[in-house]
PDB file of N, CA and C in Angstrom:
ATOM      1  N   MET A   1    -103.304 -13.200   8.987  1.00  0.00           N
ATOM      2  CA  MET A   1    -102.453 -14.369   8.979  1.00  0.00           C
ATOM      3  C   MET A   1    -101.332 -14.213   7.959  1.00  0.00           C
ATOM      4  N   ASP A   2    -100.223 -14.738   8.296  1.00  0.00           N
ATOM      5  CA  ASP A   2     -99.067 -14.670   7.421  1.00  0.00           C
ATOM      6  C   ASP A   2     -98.952 -15.974   6.641  1.00  0.00           C
ATOM      7  N   ARG A   3     -98.896 -15.898   5.324  1.00  0.00           N
ATOM      8  CA  ARG A   3     -98.879 -17.107   4.505  1.00  0.00           C
ATOM      9  C   ARG A   3     -97.495 -17.433   3.971  1.00  0.00           C
ATOM     10  N   ARG A   4     -96.507 -17.080   4.675  1.00  0.00           N
ATOM     11  CA  ARG A   4     -95.149 -17.384   4.226  1.00  0.00           C
ATOM     12  C   ARG A   4     -94.872 -18.871   4.378  1.00  0.00           C
ATOM     13  N   THR A   5     -94.165 -19.395   3.404  1.00  0.00           N
ATOM     14  CA  THR A   5     -93.781 -20.804   3.481  1.00  0.00           C
ATOM     15  C   THR A   5     -92.358 -20.901   3.997  1.00  0.00           C
ATOM     16  N   THR A   6     -91.991 -22.053   4.375  1.00  0.00           N
ATOM     17  CA  THR A   6     -90.619 -22.224   4.838  1.00  0.00           C
ATOM     18  C   THR A   6     -89.686 -22.122   3.640  1.00  0.00           C
ATOM     19  N   PRO A   7     -88.588 -21.439   3.801  1.00  0.00           N
ATOM     20  CA  PRO A   7     -87.667 -21.294   2.665  1.00  0.00           C
ATOM     21  C   PRO A   7     -87.061 -22.640   2.286  1.00  0.00           C
ATOM     22  N   LYS A   8     -86.954 -22.854   0.991  1.00  0.00           N
ATOM     23  CA  LYS A   8     -86.374 -24.100   0.506  1.00  0.00           C
ATOM     24  C   LYS A   8     -84.861 -23.998   0.533  1.00  0.00           C
ATOM     25  N   THR A   9     -84.253 -25.096   0.791  1.00  0.00           N
ATOM     26  CA  THR A   9     -82.796 -25.108   0.772  1.00  0.00           C
ATOM     27  C   THR A   9     -82.328 -25.161  -0.675  1.00  0.00           C
ATOM     28  N   ARG A  10     -81.089 -24.843  -0.876  1.00  0.00           N
ATOM     29  CA  ARG A  10     -80.538 -24.828  -2.226  1.00  0.00           C
ATOM     30  C   ARG A  10     -80.607 -26.218  -2.867  1.00  0.00           C
ATOM     31  N   ALA A  11     -80.403 -27.254  -2.088  1.00  0.00           N
ATOM     32  CA  ALA A  11     -80.447 -28.619  -2.611  1.00  0.00           C
ATOM     33  C   ALA A  11     -81.860 -28.963  -3.092  1.00  0.00           C
ATOM     34  N   ASP A  12     -82.882 -28.507  -2.371  1.00  0.00           N
ATOM     35  CA  ASP A  12     -84.263 -28.784  -2.768  1.00  0.00           C
ATOM     36  C   ASP A  12     -84.600 -28.087  -4.081  1.00  0.00           C
ATOM     37  N   THR A  13     -84.261 -26.829  -4.195  1.00  0.00           N
ATOM     38  CA  THR A  13     -84.601 -26.086  -5.409  1.00  0.00           C
ATOM     39  C   THR A  13     -83.748 -26.552  -6.578  1.00  0.00           C
ATOM     40  N   GLY A  14     -82.493 -26.880  -6.343  1.00  0.00           N
ATOM     41  CA  GLY A  14     -81.618 -27.336  -7.415  1.00  0.00           C
ATOM     42  C   GLY A  14     -82.059 -28.666  -7.978  1.00  0.00           C
ATOM     43  N   ARG A  15     -82.492 -29.556  -7.135  1.00  0.00           N
ATOM     44  CA  ARG A  15     -82.909 -30.875  -7.608  1.00  0.00           C
ATOM     45  C   ARG A  15     -84.175 -30.774  -8.456  1.00  0.00           C
ATOM     46  N   SER A  16     -85.140 -30.009  -8.015  1.00  0.00           N
ATOM     47  CA  SER A  16     -86.373 -29.901  -8.786  1.00  0.00           C
ATOM     48  C   SER A  16     -86.115 -29.180 -10.118  1.00  0.00           C
ATOM     49  N   ARG A  17     -85.223 -28.203 -10.108  1.00  0.00           N
ATOM     50  CA  ARG A  17     -84.870 -27.510 -11.343  1.00  0.00           C
ATOM     51  C   ARG A  17     -84.187 -28.480 -12.302  1.00  0.00           C
ATOM     52  N   GLU A  18     -83.296 -29.294 -11.755  1.00  0.00           N
ATOM     53  CA  GLU A  18     -82.608 -30.280 -12.575  1.00  0.00           C
ATOM     54  C   GLU A  18     -83.604 -31.274 -13.179  1.00  0.00           C
ATOM     55  N   ASP A  19     -84.572 -31.692 -12.389  1.00  0.00           N
ATOM     56  CA  ASP A  19     -85.597 -32.610 -12.892  1.00  0.00           C
ATOM     57  C   ASP A  19     -86.443 -31.954 -13.983  1.00  0.00           C
ATOM     58  N   ARG A  20     -86.782 -30.680 -13.781  1.00  0.00           N
ATOM     59  CA  ARG A  20     -87.563 -29.962 -14.799  1.00  0.00           C
ATOM     60  C   ARG A  20     -86.777 -29.819 -16.097  1.00  0.00           C
ATOM     61  N   LEU A  21     -85.496 -29.503 -15.970  1.00  0.00           N
ATOM     62  CA  LEU A  21     -84.667 -29.356 -17.164  1.00  0.00           C
ATOM     63  C   LEU A  21     -84.519 -30.683 -17.901  1.00  0.00           C
ATOM     64  N   LYS A  22     -84.362 -31.745 -17.132  1.00  0.00           N
ATOM     65  CA  LYS A  22     -84.226 -33.066 -17.733  1.00  0.00           C
ATOM     66  C   LYS A  22     -85.481 -33.455 -18.501  1.00  0.00           C
ATOM     67  N   SER A  23     -86.644 -33.233 -17.875  1.00  0.00           N
ATOM     68  CA  SER A  23     -87.883 -33.598 -18.574  1.00  0.00           C
ATOM     69  C   SER A  23     -88.151 -32.679 -19.758  1.00  0.00           C
ATOM     70  N   ALA A  24     -87.776 -31.418 -19.664  1.00  0.00           N
ATOM     71  CA  ALA A  24     -87.958 -30.512 -20.794  1.00  0.00           C
ATOM     72  C   ALA A  24     -87.067 -30.930 -21.963  1.00  0.00           C
ATOM     73  N   LEU A  25     -85.843 -31.334 -21.665  1.00  0.00           N
ATOM     74  CA  LEU A  25     -84.933 -31.789 -22.705  1.00  0.00           C
ATOM     75  C   LEU A  25     -85.455 -33.060 -23.366  1.00  0.00           C
ATOM     76  N   LYS A  26     -85.953 -33.977 -22.559  1.00  0.00           N
ATOM     77  CA  LYS A  26     -86.494 -35.228 -23.087  1.00  0.00           C
ATOM     78  C   LYS A  26     -87.689 -34.951 -24.012  1.00  0.00           C
ATOM     79  N   ALA A  27     -88.580 -34.059 -23.583  1.00  0.00           N
ATOM     80  CA  ALA A  27     -89.745 -33.715 -24.394  1.00  0.00           C
ATOM     81  C   ALA A  27     -89.318 -33.028 -25.695  1.00  0.00           C
ATOM     82  N   ASN A  28     -88.317 -32.158 -25.612  1.00  0.00           N
ATOM     83  CA  ASN A  28     -87.825 -31.447 -26.782  1.00  0.00           C
ATOM     84  C   ASN A  28     -87.222 -32.421 -27.796  1.00  0.00           C
ATOM     85  N   LEU A  29     -86.425 -33.373 -27.307  1.00  0.00           N
ATOM     86  CA  LEU A  29     -85.832 -34.352 -28.208  1.00  0.00           C
ATOM     87  C   LEU A  29     -86.898 -35.219 -28.868  1.00  0.00           C
ATOM     88  N   ALA A  30     -87.902 -35.617 -28.108  1.00  0.00           N
ATOM     89  CA  ALA A  30     -88.986 -36.429 -28.667  1.00  0.00           C
ATOM     90  C   ALA A  30     -89.737 -35.646 -29.742  1.00  0.00           C
ATOM     91  N   ARG A  31     -89.976 -34.362 -29.485  1.00  0.00           N
ATOM     92  CA  ARG A  31     -90.679 -33.520 -30.459  1.00  0.00           C
ATOM     93  C   ARG A  31     -89.845 -33.361 -31.735  1.00  0.00           C
ATOM     94  N   ARG A  32     -88.543 -33.155 -31.584  1.00  0.00           N
ATOM     95  CA  ARG A  32     -87.679 -32.991 -32.757  1.00  0.00           C
ATOM     96  C   ARG A  32     -87.576 -34.281 -33.564  1.00  0.00           C
ATOM     97  N   LYS A  33     -87.535 -35.425 -32.866  1.00  0.00           N
ATOM     98  CA  LYS A  33     -87.511 -36.703 -33.576  1.00  0.00           C
ATOM     99  C   LYS A  33     -88.779 -36.885 -34.393  1.00  0.00           C
ATOM    100  N   ALA A  34     -89.915 -36.547 -33.803  1.00  0.00           N
ATOM    101  CA  ALA A  34     -91.198 -36.672 -34.501  1.00  0.00           C
ATOM    102  C   ALA A  34     -91.228 -35.746 -35.716  1.00  0.00           C
ATOM    103  N   GLN A  35     -90.693 -34.540 -35.577  1.00  0.00           N
ATOM    104  CA  GLN A  35     -90.644 -33.606 -36.705  1.00  0.00           C
ATOM    105  C   GLN A  35     -89.765 -34.147 -37.829  1.00  0.00           C
ATOM    106  N   MET A  36     -88.625 -34.725 -37.470  1.00  0.00           N
ATOM    107  CA  MET A  36     -87.725 -35.267 -38.485  1.00  0.00           C
ATOM    108  C   MET A  36     -88.359 -36.456 -39.200  1.00  0.00           C
ATOM    109  N   ARG A  37     -89.067 -37.300 -38.454  1.00  0.00           N
ATOM    110  CA  ARG A  37     -89.758 -38.427 -39.079  1.00  0.00           C
ATOM    111  C   ARG A  37     -90.819 -37.923 -40.053  1.00  0.00           C
ATOM    112  N   ALA A  38     -91.593 -36.945 -39.627  1.00  0.00           N
ATOM    113  CA  ALA A  38     -92.645 -36.393 -40.480  1.00  0.00           C
ATOM    114  C   ALA A  38     -92.036 -35.729 -41.715  1.00  0.00           C
ATOM    115  N   ARG A  39     -90.951 -35.024 -41.535  1.00  0.00           N
ATOM    116  CA  ARG A  39     -90.288 -34.361 -42.653  1.00  0.00           C
ATOM    117  C   ARG A  39     -89.725 -35.406 -43.621  1.00  0.00           C
ATOM    118  N   GLY A  40     -89.160 -36.471 -43.089  1.00  0.00           N
ATOM    119  CA  GLY A  40     -88.617 -37.540 -43.938  1.00  0.00           C
ATOM    120  C   GLY A  40     -89.699 -38.240 -44.721  1.00  0.00           C
ATOM    121  N   ASP A  41     -90.837 -38.477 -44.100  1.00  0.00           N
ATOM    122  CA  ASP A  41     -91.952 -39.135 -44.781  1.00  0.00           C
ATOM    123  C   ASP A  41     -92.489 -38.270 -45.904  1.00  0.00           C
ATOM    124  N   SER A  42     -92.601 -36.976 -45.674  1.00  0.00           N
ATOM    125  CA  SER A  42     -93.171 -36.097 -46.688  1.00  0.00           C
ATOM    126  C   SER A  42     -92.170 -35.800 -47.804  1.00  0.00           C
ATOM    127  N   ASP A  43     -90.880 -35.863 -47.540  1.00  0.00           N
ATOM    128  CA  ASP A  43     -89.868 -35.561 -48.554  1.00  0.00           C
ATOM    129  C   ASP A  43     -89.574 -36.734 -49.478  1.00  0.00           C
ATOM    130  N   GLU A  44     -89.845 -37.963 -49.040  1.00  0.00           N
ATOM    131  CA  GLU A  44     -89.458 -39.133 -49.818  1.00  0.00           C
ATOM    132  C   GLU A  44     -90.056 -39.154 -51.209  1.00  0.00           C
ATOM    133  N   GLY A  45     -91.333 -38.998 -51.352  1.00  0.00           N
ATOM    134  CA  GLY A  45     -91.963 -39.130 -52.652  1.00  0.00           C
ATOM    135  C   GLY A  45     -92.010 -37.857 -53.450  1.00  0.00           C
ATOM    136  N   ARG A  46     -91.702 -36.739 -52.878  1.00  0.00           N
ATOM    137  CA  ARG A  46     -91.894 -35.465 -53.538  1.00  0.00           C
ATOM    138  C   ARG A  46     -90.903 -35.249 -54.680  1.00  0.00           C
ATOM    139  N   ASP A  47     -89.627 -35.381 -54.429  1.00  0.00           N
ATOM    140  CA  ASP A  47     -88.619 -35.067 -55.433  1.00  0.00           C
ATOM    141  C   ASP A  47     -88.035 -36.296 -56.110  1.00  0.00           C
ATOM    142  N   GLY A  48     -88.277 -37.455 -55.588  1.00  0.00           N
ATOM    143  CA  GLY A  48     -87.691 -38.665 -56.139  1.00  0.00           C
ATOM    144  C   GLY A  48     -86.268 -38.834 -55.621  1.00  0.00           C
ATOM    145  N   PRO A  49     -85.565 -39.823 -56.125  1.00  0.00           N
ATOM    146  CA  PRO A  49     -84.208 -40.063 -55.636  1.00  0.00           C
ATOM    147  C   PRO A  49     -83.253 -38.971 -56.093  1.00  0.00           C
ATOM    148  N   VAL A  50     -82.260 -38.726 -55.307  1.00  0.00           N
ATOM    149  CA  VAL A  50     -81.263 -37.716 -55.636  1.00  0.00           C
ATOM    150  C   VAL A  50     -80.250 -38.347 -56.578  1.00  0.00           C
ATOM    151  N   ASP A  51     -79.989 -37.695 -57.710  1.00  0.00           N
ATOM    152  CA  ASP A  51     -79.051 -38.205 -58.694  1.00  0.00           C
ATOM    153  C   ASP A  51     -77.671 -37.656 -58.382  1.00  0.00           C
ATOM    154  N   THR A  52     -76.770 -38.533 -58.006  1.00  0.00           N
ATOM    155  CA  THR A  52     -75.416 -38.103 -57.694  1.00  0.00           C
ATOM    156  C   THR A  52     -74.503 -38.460 -58.851  1.00  0.00           C
ATOM    157  N   PRO A  53     -73.555 -37.607 -59.163  1.00  0.00           N
ATOM    158  CA  PRO A  53     -72.647 -37.898 -60.277  1.00  0.00           C
ATOM    159  C   PRO A  53     -71.742 -39.088 -59.945  1.00  0.00           C
ATOM    160  N   THR A  54     -71.445 -39.864 -60.957  1.00  0.00           N
ATOM    161  CA  THR A  54     -70.539 -40.996 -60.784  1.00  0.00           C
ATOM    162  C   THR A  54     -69.221 -40.688 -61.462  1.00  0.00           C
ATOM    163  N   ASP A  55     -68.260 -41.551 -61.336  1.00  0.00           N
ATOM    164  CA  ASP A  55     -66.958 -41.341 -61.968  1.00  0.00           C
ATOM    165  C   ASP A  55     -67.077 -41.302 -63.488  1.00  0.00           C
ATOM    166  N   THR A  56     -67.955 -42.107 -64.066  1.00  0.00           N
ATOM    167  CA  THR A  56     -68.107 -42.130 -65.521  1.00  0.00           C
ATOM    168  C   THR A  56     -68.763 -40.847 -66.037  1.00  0.00           C
ATOM    169  N   ASP A  57     -69.574 -40.170 -65.201  1.00  0.00           N
ATOM    170  CA  ASP A  57     -70.203 -38.909 -65.615  1.00  0.00           C
ATOM    171  C   ASP A  57     -69.152 -37.798 -65.773  1.00  0.00           C
ATOM    172  N   THR A  58     -68.123 -37.806 -64.945  1.00  0.00           N
ATOM    173  CA  THR A  58     -67.133 -36.727 -64.983  1.00  0.00           C
ATOM    174  C   THR A  58     -66.056 -36.973 -66.031  1.00  0.00           C
ATOM    175  N   ASP A  59     -65.941 -38.192 -66.562  1.00  0.00           N
ATOM    176  CA  ASP A  59     -64.904 -38.513 -67.539  1.00  0.00           C
ATOM    177  C   ASP A  59     -65.346 -38.305 -68.978  1.00  0.00           C
ATOM    178  N   LYS A  60     -66.518 -37.769 -69.227  1.00  0.00           N
ATOM    179  CA  LYS A  60     -67.055 -37.620 -70.591  1.00  0.00           C
ATOM    180  C   LYS A  60     -66.599 -36.326 -71.246  1.00  0.00           C
ATOM    181  N   GLU A  61     -65.348 -36.053 -71.315  1.00  0.00           N
ATOM    182  CA  GLU A  61     -64.890 -34.814 -71.945  1.00  0.00           C
ATOM    183  C   GLU A  61     -64.313 -35.030 -73.280  1.00  0.00           C
TER     184      GLU A  61
END
């Protein structure tokens, strides 16, 4: 017996590929957002607030 399937048209394969790419992108963005949240939570208490120079700090010459 021959188990060949009917060939898919370009529109059929393109649409499913587009759907796969869309869902992969969505999953990737969700994963990156979760990583950034986790990184932000762990970085907050570790180093303390960042001290930025003010105008009065640079005028002390």
